[in-house]
C-alpha atoms as a PDB file:
ATOM      1  CA  MET A   1      12.749  -7.816 -21.092  1.00  0.00           C
ATOM      2  CA  SER A   2      10.298  -9.818 -23.143  1.00  0.00           C
ATOM      3  CA  THR A   3       6.775  -8.470 -23.158  1.00  0.00           C
ATOM      4  CA  ASN A   4       5.609 -12.055 -22.785  1.00  0.00           C
ATOM      5  CA  THR A   5       7.029 -12.243 -19.269  1.00  0.00           C
ATOM      6  CA  SER A   6       4.438 -13.259 -16.686  1.00  0.00           C
ATOM      7  CA  ILE A   7       5.158 -12.837 -12.989  1.00  0.00           C
ATOM      8  CA  THR A   8       2.052 -13.884 -11.085  1.00  0.00           C
ATOM      9  CA  THR A   9       3.085 -16.606  -8.640  1.00  0.00           C
ATOM     10  CA  GLN A  10       4.758 -16.206  -5.282  1.00  0.00           C
ATOM     11  CA  ALA A  11       7.887 -18.000  -6.462  1.00  0.00           C
ATOM     12  CA  GLU A  12       8.117 -15.762  -9.539  1.00  0.00           C
ATOM     13  CA  TRP A  13       7.694 -12.445  -7.742  1.00  0.00           C
ATOM     14  CA  ASN A  14      10.102 -13.423  -4.956  1.00  0.00           C
ATOM     15  CA  GLN A  15      12.697 -14.253  -7.583  1.00  0.00           C
ATOM     16  CA  ALA A  16      12.062 -10.891  -9.271  1.00  0.00           C
ATOM     17  CA  ILE A  17      12.528  -9.125  -5.928  1.00  0.00           C
ATOM     18  CA  LYS A  18      15.714 -11.095  -5.261  1.00  0.00           C
ATOM     19  CA  ASP A  19      17.053 -10.100  -8.685  1.00  0.00           C
ATOM     20  CA  LEU A  20      16.719  -6.366  -7.967  1.00  0.00           C
ATOM     21  CA  PRO A  21      20.125  -4.709  -7.545  1.00  0.00           C
ATOM     22  CA  THR A  22      21.156  -4.202  -3.924  1.00  0.00           C
ATOM     23  CA  THR A  23      21.933  -0.484  -4.103  1.00  0.00           C
ATOM     24  CA  PRO A  24      21.189   1.356  -0.832  1.00  0.00           C
ATOM     25  CA  SER A  25      22.941   4.434  -2.267  1.00  0.00           C
ATOM     26  CA  ASP A  26      20.728   4.412  -5.372  1.00  0.00           C
ATOM     27  CA  ILE A  27      17.370   2.920  -4.438  1.00  0.00           C
ATOM     28  CA  PRO A  28      14.943   2.291  -7.311  1.00  0.00           C
ATOM     29  CA  ALA A  29      11.609   4.101  -7.311  1.00  0.00           C
ATOM     30  CA  PHE A  30       8.588   1.813  -7.183  1.00  0.00           C
ATOM     31  CA  PHE A  31       5.064   1.851  -8.491  1.00  0.00           C
ATOM     32  CA  LEU A  32       2.824  -0.628  -6.711  1.00  0.00           C
ATOM     33  CA  ALA A  33      -0.826  -1.522  -6.567  1.00  0.00           C
ATOM     34  CA  HIS A  34      -2.047  -0.051  -3.285  1.00  0.00           C
ATOM     35  CA  GLY A  35      -5.226  -2.112  -3.380  1.00  0.00           C
ATOM     36  CA  SER A  36      -8.384  -1.087  -1.561  1.00  0.00           C
ATOM     37  CA  PRO A  37      -9.971  -1.474   1.882  1.00  0.00           C
ATOM     38  CA  PHE A  38     -10.765  -5.050   0.821  1.00  0.00           C
ATOM     39  CA  LEU A  39      -7.142  -5.851   1.727  1.00  0.00           C
ATOM     40  CA  ALA A  40      -7.887  -4.971   5.347  1.00  0.00           C
ATOM     41  CA  PHE A  41     -11.103  -6.959   5.705  1.00  0.00           C
ATOM     42  CA  PRO A  42     -11.172  -9.605   8.432  1.00  0.00           C
ATOM     43  CA  LYS A  43     -10.441 -12.806   6.556  1.00  0.00           C
ATOM     44  CA  HIS A  44     -13.732 -14.447   7.540  1.00  0.00           C
ATOM     45  CA  GLU A  45     -15.705 -11.500   6.114  1.00  0.00           C
ATOM     46  CA  ALA A  46     -13.742 -10.845   2.954  1.00  0.00           C
ATOM     47  CA  PRO A  47     -14.446 -11.744  -0.645  1.00  0.00           C
ATOM     48  CA  SER A  48     -12.117 -14.403  -1.986  1.00  0.00           C
ATOM     49  CA  HIS A  49     -10.660 -12.544  -4.940  1.00  0.00           C
ATOM     50  CA  LEU A  50      -7.130 -11.487  -5.802  1.00  0.00           C
ATOM     51  CA  ARG A  51      -7.537  -8.091  -4.065  1.00  0.00           C
ATOM     52  CA  GLY A  52      -8.849  -9.469  -0.755  1.00  0.00           C
ATOM     53  CA  PRO A  53      -6.822 -10.260   2.403  1.00  0.00           C
ATOM     54  CA  THR A  54      -6.056 -13.809   1.258  1.00  0.00           C
ATOM     55  CA  GLY A  55      -5.548 -12.975  -2.413  1.00  0.00           C
ATOM     56  CA  SER A  56      -2.396 -12.692  -4.458  1.00  0.00           C
ATOM     57  CA  LEU A  57      -1.993  -8.918  -3.975  1.00  0.00           C
ATOM     58  CA  ALA A  58      -2.032  -9.230  -0.172  1.00  0.00           C
ATOM     59  CA  ARG A  59       0.457 -12.091  -0.304  1.00  0.00           C
ATOM     60  CA  PHE A  60       2.694 -10.097  -2.616  1.00  0.00           C
ATOM     61  CA  LEU A  61       2.686  -7.025  -0.366  1.00  0.00           C
ATOM     62  CA  GLN A  62       3.542  -9.171   2.661  1.00  0.00           C
ATOM     63  CA  ASP A  63       6.576 -10.484   0.799  1.00  0.00           C
ATOM     64  CA  PHE A  64       7.559  -7.194  -0.825  1.00  0.00           C
ATOM     65  CA  GLY A  65       7.772  -4.915   2.212  1.00  0.00           C
ATOM     66  CA  PRO A  66      10.275  -6.911   4.309  1.00  0.00           C
ATOM     67  CA  ALA A  67      12.369  -7.590   1.204  1.00  0.00           C
ATOM     68  CA  LEU A  68      12.625  -3.854   0.431  1.00  0.00           C
ATOM     69  CA  LEU A  69      13.750  -3.063   3.960  1.00  0.00           C
ATOM     70  CA  LYS A  70      16.356  -5.818   3.945  1.00  0.00           C
ATOM     71  CA  LYS A  71      17.723  -4.994   0.476  1.00  0.00           C
ATOM     72  CA  TYR A  72      17.829  -1.188   0.716  1.00  0.00           C
ATOM     73  CA  GLN A  73      17.846  -0.331   4.452  1.00  0.00           C
ATOM     74  CA  PRO A  74      16.122   3.002   3.697  1.00  0.00           C
ATOM     75  CA  LYS A  75      16.528   6.021   5.947  1.00  0.00           C
ATOM     76  CA  GLY A  76      13.001   7.142   5.118  1.00  0.00           C
ATOM     77  CA  ILE A  77      10.047   6.481   2.837  1.00  0.00           C
ATOM     78  CA  VAL A  78       8.387   9.072   0.607  1.00  0.00           C
ATOM     79  CA  VAL A  79       5.023   7.918  -0.670  1.00  0.00           C
ATOM     80  CA  PHE A  80       2.523   9.162  -3.249  1.00  0.00           C
ATOM     81  CA  SER A  81      -1.030   7.885  -3.396  1.00  0.00           C
ATOM     82  CA  ALA A  82      -3.912   8.089  -5.844  1.00  0.00           C
ATOM     83  CA  HIS A  83      -5.934   9.396  -2.908  1.00  0.00           C
ATOM     84  CA  TRP A  84      -4.225  12.726  -2.318  1.00  0.00           C
ATOM     85  CA  GLU A  85      -4.138  15.339  -5.022  1.00  0.00           C
ATOM     86  CA  THR A  86      -3.668  19.103  -4.921  1.00  0.00           C
ATOM     87  CA  PRO A  87      -3.550  21.753  -7.648  1.00  0.00           C
ATOM     88  CA  LYS A  88      -0.347  23.673  -8.399  1.00  0.00           C
ATOM     89  CA  THR A  89       1.317  23.315  -4.983  1.00  0.00           C
ATOM     90  CA  ARG A  90       2.743  20.045  -3.704  1.00  0.00           C
ATOM     91  CA  LEU A  91       1.808  19.461  -0.088  1.00  0.00           C
ATOM     92  CA  VAL A  92       4.226  17.432   2.026  1.00  0.00           C
ATOM     93  CA  THR A  93       3.184  15.912   5.335  1.00  0.00           C
ATOM     94  CA  ASP A  94       5.061  17.049   8.426  1.00  0.00           C
ATOM     95  CA  TYR A  95       3.221  15.128  11.123  1.00  0.00           C
ATOM     96  CA  GLY A  96       5.900  14.719  13.788  1.00  0.00           C
ATOM     97  CA  ASP A  97       6.184  11.719  16.071  1.00  0.00           C
ATOM     98  CA  GLU A  98       3.024   9.958  14.892  1.00  0.00           C
ATOM     99  CA  ASN A  99       1.318  10.034  11.519  1.00  0.00           C
ATOM    100  CA  PRO A 100      -2.480  10.221  11.868  1.00  0.00           C
ATOM    101  CA  LEU A 101      -4.648   8.104   9.578  1.00  0.00           C
ATOM    102  CA  LEU A 102      -7.410   9.439   7.345  1.00  0.00           C
ATOM    103  CA  MET A 103     -10.177   6.871   6.872  1.00  0.00           C
ATOM    104  CA  ASP A 104     -11.116   8.220   3.468  1.00  0.00           C
ATOM    105  CA  TYR A 105     -13.755   5.684   2.526  1.00  0.00           C
ATOM    106  CA  TYR A 106     -17.373   5.077   3.375  1.00  0.00           C
ATOM    107  CA  GLY A 107     -19.943   2.314   3.597  1.00  0.00           C
ATOM    108  CA  PHE A 108     -17.741  -0.320   5.225  1.00  0.00           C
ATOM    109  CA  GLN A 109     -18.204  -2.218   8.485  1.00  0.00           C
ATOM    110  CA  PRO A 110     -17.036  -0.613  11.794  1.00  0.00           C
ATOM    111  CA  SER A 111     -13.828  -2.660  11.946  1.00  0.00           C
ATOM    112  CA  LEU A 112     -12.526  -0.865   8.854  1.00  0.00           C
ATOM    113  CA  TYR A 113     -12.621   2.410  10.797  1.00  0.00           C
ATOM    114  CA  GLU A 114     -10.603   0.967  13.670  1.00  0.00           C
ATOM    115  CA  LEU A 115      -7.552  -0.029  11.656  1.00  0.00           C
ATOM    116  CA  LYS A 116      -4.145   0.768  13.122  1.00  0.00           C
ATOM    117  CA  PHE A 117      -0.875   1.686  11.466  1.00  0.00           C
ATOM    118  CA  LYS A 118       1.588   3.385  13.782  1.00  0.00           C
ATOM    119  CA  SER A 119       4.321   5.356  12.031  1.00  0.00           C
ATOM    120  CA  LYS A 120       6.198   8.622  12.372  1.00  0.00           C
ATOM    121  CA  GLY A 121       7.125  11.563  10.194  1.00  0.00           C
ATOM    122  CA  ASN A 122      10.364  13.514  10.000  1.00  0.00           C
ATOM    123  CA  SER A 123      10.548  17.297   9.644  1.00  0.00           C
ATOM    124  CA  LYS A 124      14.047  17.221   8.172  1.00  0.00           C
ATOM    125  CA  LEU A 125      12.921  14.882   5.395  1.00  0.00           C
ATOM    126  CA  SER A 126       9.771  16.944   4.773  1.00  0.00           C
ATOM    127  CA  GLN A 127      11.824  20.123   4.434  1.00  0.00           C
ATOM    128  CA  ARG A 128      14.290  18.381   2.126  1.00  0.00           C
ATOM    129  CA  ILE A 129      11.426  17.412  -0.186  1.00  0.00           C
ATOM    130  CA  VAL A 130      10.125  20.994  -0.236  1.00  0.00           C
ATOM    131  CA  GLN A 131      13.661  22.222  -0.987  1.00  0.00           C
ATOM    132  CA  LEU A 132      14.043  19.863  -3.946  1.00  0.00           C
ATOM    133  CA  TYR A 133      10.703  20.895  -5.381  1.00  0.00           C
ATOM    134  CA  ARG A 134      11.542  24.568  -5.152  1.00  0.00           C
ATOM    135  CA  GLU A 135      14.980  23.990  -6.688  1.00  0.00           C
ATOM    136  CA  ASN A 136      13.224  22.321  -9.621  1.00  0.00           C
ATOM    137  CA  GLY A 137      10.714  25.122 -10.138  1.00  0.00           C
ATOM    138  CA  HIS A 138       7.741  23.599  -8.310  1.00  0.00           C
ATOM    139  CA  SER A 139       5.599  25.218  -5.652  1.00  0.00           C
ATOM    140  CA  ALA A 140       5.651  23.178  -2.430  1.00  0.00           C
ATOM    141  CA  ARG A 141       5.075  23.507   1.294  1.00  0.00           C
ATOM    142  CA  THR A 142       4.658  21.311   4.347  1.00  0.00           C
ATOM    143  CA  SER A 143       1.286  20.413   5.845  1.00  0.00           C
ATOM    144  CA  SER A 144       0.922  19.758   9.569  1.00  0.00           C
ATOM    145  CA  LYS A 145      -1.549  17.586  11.432  1.00  0.00           C
ATOM    146  CA  LEU A 146      -3.332  20.784  12.482  1.00  0.00           C
ATOM    147  CA  GLU A 147      -4.788  21.386   9.010  1.00  0.00           C
ATOM    148  CA  PRO A 148      -6.876  19.405   6.525  1.00  0.00           C
ATOM    149  CA  ARG A 149      -4.916  17.956   3.638  1.00  0.00           C
ATOM    150  CA  GLY A 150      -6.881  19.953   1.092  1.00  0.00           C
ATOM    151  CA  GLU A 151      -8.408  18.733  -2.150  1.00  0.00           C
ATOM    152  CA  ASP A 152      -8.395  15.008  -2.699  1.00  0.00           C
ATOM    153  CA  GLY A 153     -11.137  14.600  -5.265  1.00  0.00           C
ATOM    154  CA  ARG A 154     -13.425  12.856  -2.784  1.00  0.00           C
ATOM    155  CA  GLY A 155     -14.474  15.405  -0.190  1.00  0.00           C
ATOM    156  CA  PHE A 156     -12.829  13.817   2.849  1.00  0.00           C
ATOM    157  CA  LEU A 157     -11.400  16.291   5.344  1.00  0.00           C
ATOM    158  CA  GLY A 158      -8.699  16.031   7.944  1.00  0.00           C
ATOM    159  CA  PRO A 159      -4.977  15.367   8.042  1.00  0.00           C
ATOM    160  CA  GLY A 160      -3.451  11.910   7.837  1.00  0.00           C
ATOM    161  CA  LEU A 161      -2.046   9.168   5.657  1.00  0.00           C
ATOM    162  CA  ASP A 162      -4.868   7.972   3.399  1.00  0.00           C
ATOM    163  CA  HIS A 163      -5.949   4.385   2.792  1.00  0.00           C
ATOM    164  CA  GLY A 164      -3.813   4.221  -0.336  1.00  0.00           C
ATOM    165  CA  VAL A 165      -0.872   4.334   2.083  1.00  0.00           C
ATOM    166  CA  PHE A 166      -1.837   2.727   5.368  1.00  0.00           C
ATOM    167  CA  VAL A 167      -3.808  -0.197   3.915  1.00  0.00           C
ATOM    168  CA  PRO A 168      -0.900  -1.630   1.879  1.00  0.00           C
ATOM    169  CA  PHE A 169       1.756  -0.482   4.356  1.00  0.00           C
ATOM    170  CA  ARG A 170       0.094  -2.440   7.185  1.00  0.00           C
ATOM    171  CA  LEU A 171       0.669  -5.561   5.116  1.00  0.00           C
ATOM    172  CA  MET A 172       4.134  -4.570   3.977  1.00  0.00           C
ATOM    173  CA  PHE A 173       5.573  -3.332   7.257  1.00  0.00           C
ATOM    174  CA  GLY A 174       3.232  -4.403  10.075  1.00  0.00           C
ATOM    175  CA  GLU A 175       0.814  -2.413  12.223  1.00  0.00           C
ATOM    176  CA  GLU A 176       3.651  -0.784  14.207  1.00  0.00           C
ATOM    177  CA  PHE A 177       6.370   0.677  12.031  1.00  0.00           C
ATOM    178  CA  ASP A 178       8.142   3.559  13.710  1.00  0.00           C
ATOM    179  CA  ASP A 179      11.804   2.829  12.954  1.00  0.00           C
ATOM    180  CA  ILE A 180      11.760   4.559   9.555  1.00  0.00           C
ATOM    181  CA  PRO A 181       9.902   7.852   8.947  1.00  0.00           C
ATOM    182  CA  ILE A 182       7.145   8.084   6.340  1.00  0.00           C
ATOM    183  CA  VAL A 183       6.297  11.299   4.519  1.00  0.00           C
ATOM    184  CA  GLN A 184       3.466  11.579   1.988  1.00  0.00           C
ATOM    185  CA  VAL A 185       3.380  14.005  -0.945  1.00  0.00           C
ATOM    186  CA  SER A 186       0.354  14.986  -3.038  1.00  0.00           C
ATOM    187  CA  ILE A 187       0.067  14.242  -6.744  1.00  0.00           C
ATOM    188  CA  ASP A 188      -1.001  16.910  -9.253  1.00  0.00           C
ATOM    189  CA  SER A 189      -4.770  17.173  -9.575  1.00  0.00           C
ATOM    190  CA  ASN A 190      -4.490  18.193 -13.226  1.00  0.00           C
ATOM    191  CA  MET A 191      -3.885  14.456 -13.879  1.00  0.00           C
ATOM    192  CA  SER A 192      -1.378  15.207 -16.628  1.00  0.00           C
ATOM    193  CA  PRO A 193       1.119  12.396 -17.250  1.00  0.00           C
ATOM    194  CA  GLU A 194       3.839  14.963 -17.958  1.00  0.00           C
ATOM    195  CA  SER A 195       3.320  17.083 -14.836  1.00  0.00           C
ATOM    196  CA  ASN A 196       3.095  14.051 -12.566  1.00  0.00           C
ATOM    197  CA  TRP A 197       6.246  12.655 -14.207  1.00  0.00           C
ATOM    198  CA  ALA A 198       7.960  15.954 -13.342  1.00  0.00           C
ATOM    199  CA  ILE A 199       6.752  15.666  -9.736  1.00  0.00           C
ATOM    200  CA  GLY A 200       8.618  12.393  -9.424  1.00  0.00           C
ATOM    201  CA  LYS A 201      11.675  13.567 -11.357  1.00  0.00           C
ATOM    202  CA  ALA A 202      12.238  16.444  -8.914  1.00  0.00           C
ATOM    203  CA  LEU A 203      12.965  13.901  -6.178  1.00  0.00           C
ATOM    204  CA  ILE A 204      15.562  11.766  -7.982  1.00  0.00           C
ATOM    205  CA  LYS A 205      18.260  12.935  -5.566  1.00  0.00           C
ATOM    206  CA  LEU A 206      16.399  11.388  -2.642  1.00  0.00           C
ATOM    207  CA  ARG A 207      17.146   7.936  -4.024  1.00  0.00           C
ATOM    208  CA  GLN A 208      20.878   8.645  -3.747  1.00  0.00           C
ATOM    209  CA  GLU A 209      20.287   9.872  -0.195  1.00  0.00           C
ATOM    210  CA  GLY A 210      18.925   6.533   0.976  1.00  0.00           C
ATOM    211  CA  ILE A 211      15.231   7.379   0.667  1.00  0.00           C
ATOM    212  CA  LEU A 212      12.740   4.860  -0.702  1.00  0.00           C
ATOM    213  CA  VAL A 213      10.221   6.425  -3.108  1.00  0.00           C
ATOM    214  CA  ILE A 214       6.950   4.534  -3.548  1.00  0.00           C
ATOM    215  CA  SER A 215       3.990   5.633  -5.664  1.00  0.00           C
ATOM    216  CA  GLY A 216       0.734   3.723  -5.401  1.00  0.00           C
ATOM    217  CA  GLY A 217      -2.360   3.363  -7.535  1.00  0.00           C
ATOM    218  CA  LEU A 218      -4.054   0.729  -9.667  1.00  0.00           C
ATOM    219  CA  THR A 219      -3.779   0.129 -13.388  1.00  0.00           C
ATOM    220  CA  ILE A 220      -7.367  -1.139 -13.617  1.00  0.00           C
ATOM    221  CA  HIS A 221      -9.792   0.881 -11.486  1.00  0.00           C
ATOM    222  CA  ASN A 222     -13.382   1.000 -12.684  1.00  0.00           C
ATOM    223  CA  LEU A 223     -15.720   0.750  -9.698  1.00  0.00           C
ATOM    224  CA  ARG A 224     -18.664   0.963 -12.081  1.00  0.00           C
ATOM    225  CA  ASP A 225     -17.758  -2.419 -13.562  1.00  0.00           C
ATOM    226  CA  PRO A 226     -16.999  -5.030 -10.872  1.00  0.00           C
ATOM    227  CA  ALA A 227     -16.317  -7.598 -13.590  1.00  0.00           C
ATOM    228  CA  SER A 228     -13.193  -5.605 -14.498  1.00  0.00           C
ATOM    229  CA  PHE A 229     -11.510  -6.509 -11.198  1.00  0.00           C
ATOM    230  CA  SER A 230     -10.636 -10.068 -12.195  1.00  0.00           C
ATOM    231  CA  PRO A 231      -9.032 -11.494 -15.329  1.00  0.00           C
ATOM    232  CA  ASP A 232     -11.594 -14.291 -15.150  1.00  0.00           C
ATOM    233  CA  THR A 233     -14.491 -11.894 -15.738  1.00  0.00           C
ATOM    234  CA  ALA A 234     -12.930  -8.783 -17.322  1.00  0.00           C
ATOM    235  CA  GLY A 235     -13.808  -7.894 -20.885  1.00  0.00           C
ATOM    236  CA  ALA A 236     -11.235  -7.980 -23.671  1.00  0.00           C
ATOM    237  CA  ILE A 237     -10.684  -4.205 -23.623  1.00  0.00           C
ATOM    238  CA  TYR A 238      -9.378  -4.355 -20.035  1.00  0.00           C
ATOM    239  CA  LYS A 239      -7.021  -7.224 -20.810  1.00  0.00           C
ATOM    240  CA  GLU A 240      -5.714  -5.413 -23.877  1.00  0.00           C
ATOM    241  CA  PHE A 241      -4.993  -2.306 -21.818  1.00  0.00           C
ATOM    242  CA  ASP A 242      -3.357  -4.360 -19.071  1.00  0.00           C
ATOM    243  CA  ARG A 243      -1.050  -5.923 -21.687  1.00  0.00           C
ATOM    244  CA  ALA A 244      -0.323  -2.539 -23.267  1.00  0.00           C
ATOM    245  CA  ILE A 245       0.928  -1.198 -19.920  1.00  0.00           C
ATOM    246  CA  ILE A 246       3.447  -4.021 -19.548  1.00  0.00           C
ATOM    247  CA  ASP A 247       4.529  -3.585 -23.169  1.00  0.00           C
ATOM    248  CA  ALA A 248       5.101   0.170 -22.730  1.00  0.00           C
ATOM    249  CA  VAL A 249       6.930  -0.053 -19.407  1.00  0.00           C
ATOM    250  CA  THR A 250       9.320  -2.744 -20.669  1.00  0.00           C
ATOM    251  CA  ILE A 251      10.567  -0.835 -23.735  1.00  0.00           C
ATOM    252  CA  LEU A 252      14.347  -0.688 -23.410  1.00  0.00           C
ATOM    253  CA  ASP A 253      14.992   2.764 -24.891  1.00  0.00           C
ATOM    254  CA  ALA A 254      14.192   5.370 -22.232  1.00  0.00           C
ATOM    255  CA  ASP A 255      12.821   8.018 -24.595  1.00  0.00           C
ATOM    256  CA  GLU A 256      10.655   5.529 -26.465  1.00  0.00           C
ATOM    257  CA  ARG A 257       9.458   4.094 -23.165  1.00  0.00           C
ATOM    258  CA  LYS A 258       8.373   7.498 -21.879  1.00  0.00           C
ATOM    259  CA  GLN A 259       6.474   8.286 -25.063  1.00  0.00           C
ATOM    260  CA  ALA A 260       4.761   4.897 -25.035  1.00  0.00           C
ATOM    261  CA  MET A 261       3.798   5.339 -21.382  1.00  0.00           C
ATOM    262  CA  VAL A 262       2.351   8.797 -22.010  1.00  0.00           C
ATOM    263  CA  ASN A 263       0.460   7.390 -24.987  1.00  0.00           C
ATOM    264  CA  LEU A 264      -1.270   4.868 -22.708  1.00  0.00           C
ATOM    265  CA  THR A 265      -3.813   7.550 -21.806  1.00  0.00           C
ATOM    266  CA  ARG A 266      -4.917   7.466 -25.453  1.00  0.00           C
ATOM    267  CA  HIS A 267      -5.271   3.698 -25.566  1.00  0.00           C
ATOM    268  CA  PRO A 268      -8.873   2.580 -26.306  1.00  0.00           C
ATOM    269  CA  GLY A 269      -8.953   0.738 -22.989  1.00  0.00           C
ATOM    270  CA  PHE A 270      -7.755   3.621 -20.831  1.00  0.00           C
ATOM    271  CA  ARG A 271     -11.113   5.283 -20.249  1.00  0.00           C
ATOM    272  CA  ALA A 272     -12.798   1.936 -19.675  1.00  0.00           C
ATOM    273  CA  ALA A 273     -10.204   1.098 -17.020  1.00  0.00           C
ATOM    274  CA  HIS A 274     -10.162   4.604 -15.539  1.00  0.00           C
ATOM    275  CA  PRO A 275     -13.352   6.687 -15.497  1.00  0.00           C
ATOM    276  CA  ARG A 276     -11.125   9.100 -13.550  1.00  0.00           C
ATOM    277  CA  GLU A 277      -7.347   9.211 -14.007  1.00  0.00           C
ATOM    278  CA  ASP A 278      -6.305   9.460 -10.353  1.00  0.00           C
ATOM    279  CA  HIS A 279      -5.321   5.813  -9.898  1.00  0.00           C
ATOM    280  CA  PHE A 280      -3.222   5.724 -13.061  1.00  0.00           C
ATOM    281  CA  VAL A 281      -1.097   8.874 -12.854  1.00  0.00           C
ATOM    282  CA  PRO A 282       0.946   7.637  -9.848  1.00  0.00           C
ATOM    283  CA  LEU A 283       2.631   5.369 -12.410  1.00  0.00           C
ATOM    284  CA  TYR A 284       4.125   8.511 -13.973  1.00  0.00           C
ATOM    285  CA  VAL A 285       5.335   9.823 -10.619  1.00  0.00           C
ATOM    286  CA  ALA A 286       7.326   6.634 -10.042  1.00  0.00           C
ATOM    287  CA  ALA A 287       8.674   6.661 -13.597  1.00  0.00           C
ATOM    288  CA  GLY A 288       9.799  10.251 -13.186  1.00  0.00           C
ATOM    289  CA  ALA A 289      11.539   9.475  -9.904  1.00  0.00           C
ATOM    290  CA  GLY A 290      13.395   6.662 -11.688  1.00  0.00           C
ATOM    291  CA  GLU A 291      14.106   8.517 -14.924  1.00  0.00           C
ATOM    292  CA  GLY A 292      17.440   7.766 -16.532  1.00  0.00           C
ATOM    293  CA  GLY A 293      17.620   4.133 -15.499  1.00  0.00           C
ATOM    294  CA  GLY A 294      16.151   0.839 -16.510  1.00  0.00           C
ATOM    295  CA  VAL A 295      12.921  -0.822 -15.447  1.00  0.00           C
ATOM    296  CA  ARG A 296      12.239  -4.152 -13.768  1.00  0.00           C
ATOM    297  CA  VAL A 297       8.836  -5.801 -13.582  1.00  0.00           C
ATOM    298  CA  ILE A 298       8.227  -7.243 -10.112  1.00  0.00           C
ATOM    299  CA  THR A 299       4.731  -8.592 -10.743  1.00  0.00           C
ATOM    300  CA  THR A 300       2.292  -8.656 -13.635  1.00  0.00           C
ATOM    301  CA  LEU A 301      -0.768  -9.378 -11.489  1.00  0.00           C
ATOM    302  CA  TYR A 302      -3.779  -8.356 -13.567  1.00  0.00           C
ATOM    303  CA  GLY A 303      -4.647  -4.719 -12.812  1.00  0.00           C
ATOM    304  CA  ALA A 304      -2.099  -4.693  -9.993  1.00  0.00           C
ATOM    305  CA  PRO A 305       1.433  -4.815 -11.378  1.00  0.00           C
ATOM    306  CA  THR A 306       4.521  -3.556  -9.557  1.00  0.00           C
ATOM    307  CA  PHE A 307       7.448  -1.908 -11.323  1.00  0.00           C
ATOM    308  CA  ALA A 308      10.913  -0.723 -10.244  1.00  0.00           C
ATOM    309  CA  PHE A 309      12.218   2.344 -12.093  1.00  0.00           C
ATOM    310  CA  GLY A 310      15.806   3.554 -12.142  1.00  0.00           C
ATOM    311  CA  VAL A 311      17.525   0.173 -11.816  1.00  0.00           C
END
């Protein structure tokens, strides 16, 4: 794929989704921009930028979710988020008939704490994930709704799917989505590209078992610099890093691609875009889960691209 490819309009991303291979027995792994609570703002209260409820990211997610379900008919969804990290041991939700929500943000209006996303877990899927991790030399266990999720880098307590899951999933799948189970897995709090790649790689078999693997973060995430959120106001260093990500991910040779992706954390723009690495390393989880295959770019929205690995 040419590194000059731009996929930023609704027609372009819907064509890219349509062009994905229809392989329910070998579902690609996806990295997507999970956005922020801005996506869930009431439209009359929200800022009118690309990450708000009327912006391009929201419109993309609304198109992307139904298309994934139609194309792959997944038996379950395993999701990783920038907002749940644990050291050493992977925790895997086992929440039963209804997944609770963890409102892991602060300072927003009351309506943001009344959001709904009804979904269910599945103990068999949770145990299968733990089994695969242990078979691949990782420590893993399930986590029930009776215990806090543990470290997340932000101090929020309690069980539940975090906003990096339920905020985009509400747009992708609707507020009631209980036909297909959802299980969340923690990323590695050491923030190493290699270890988070390995976390994804351990679950490759799930893709052949009809499970959709989604890993969410943001490729530009500097809350200290609001100008960085938009290509209209972002400085050159952010735009250079955004371009470097697309260039690395679209390298055809798998080994060269992996090295270029790992090297992104040494790019001059990386620390500007990520004062903390948590929103970037989910990219490596998705790449690991799709290791051995090709890559398709689904969108190149500034700071919010979506990639399919393992196609």
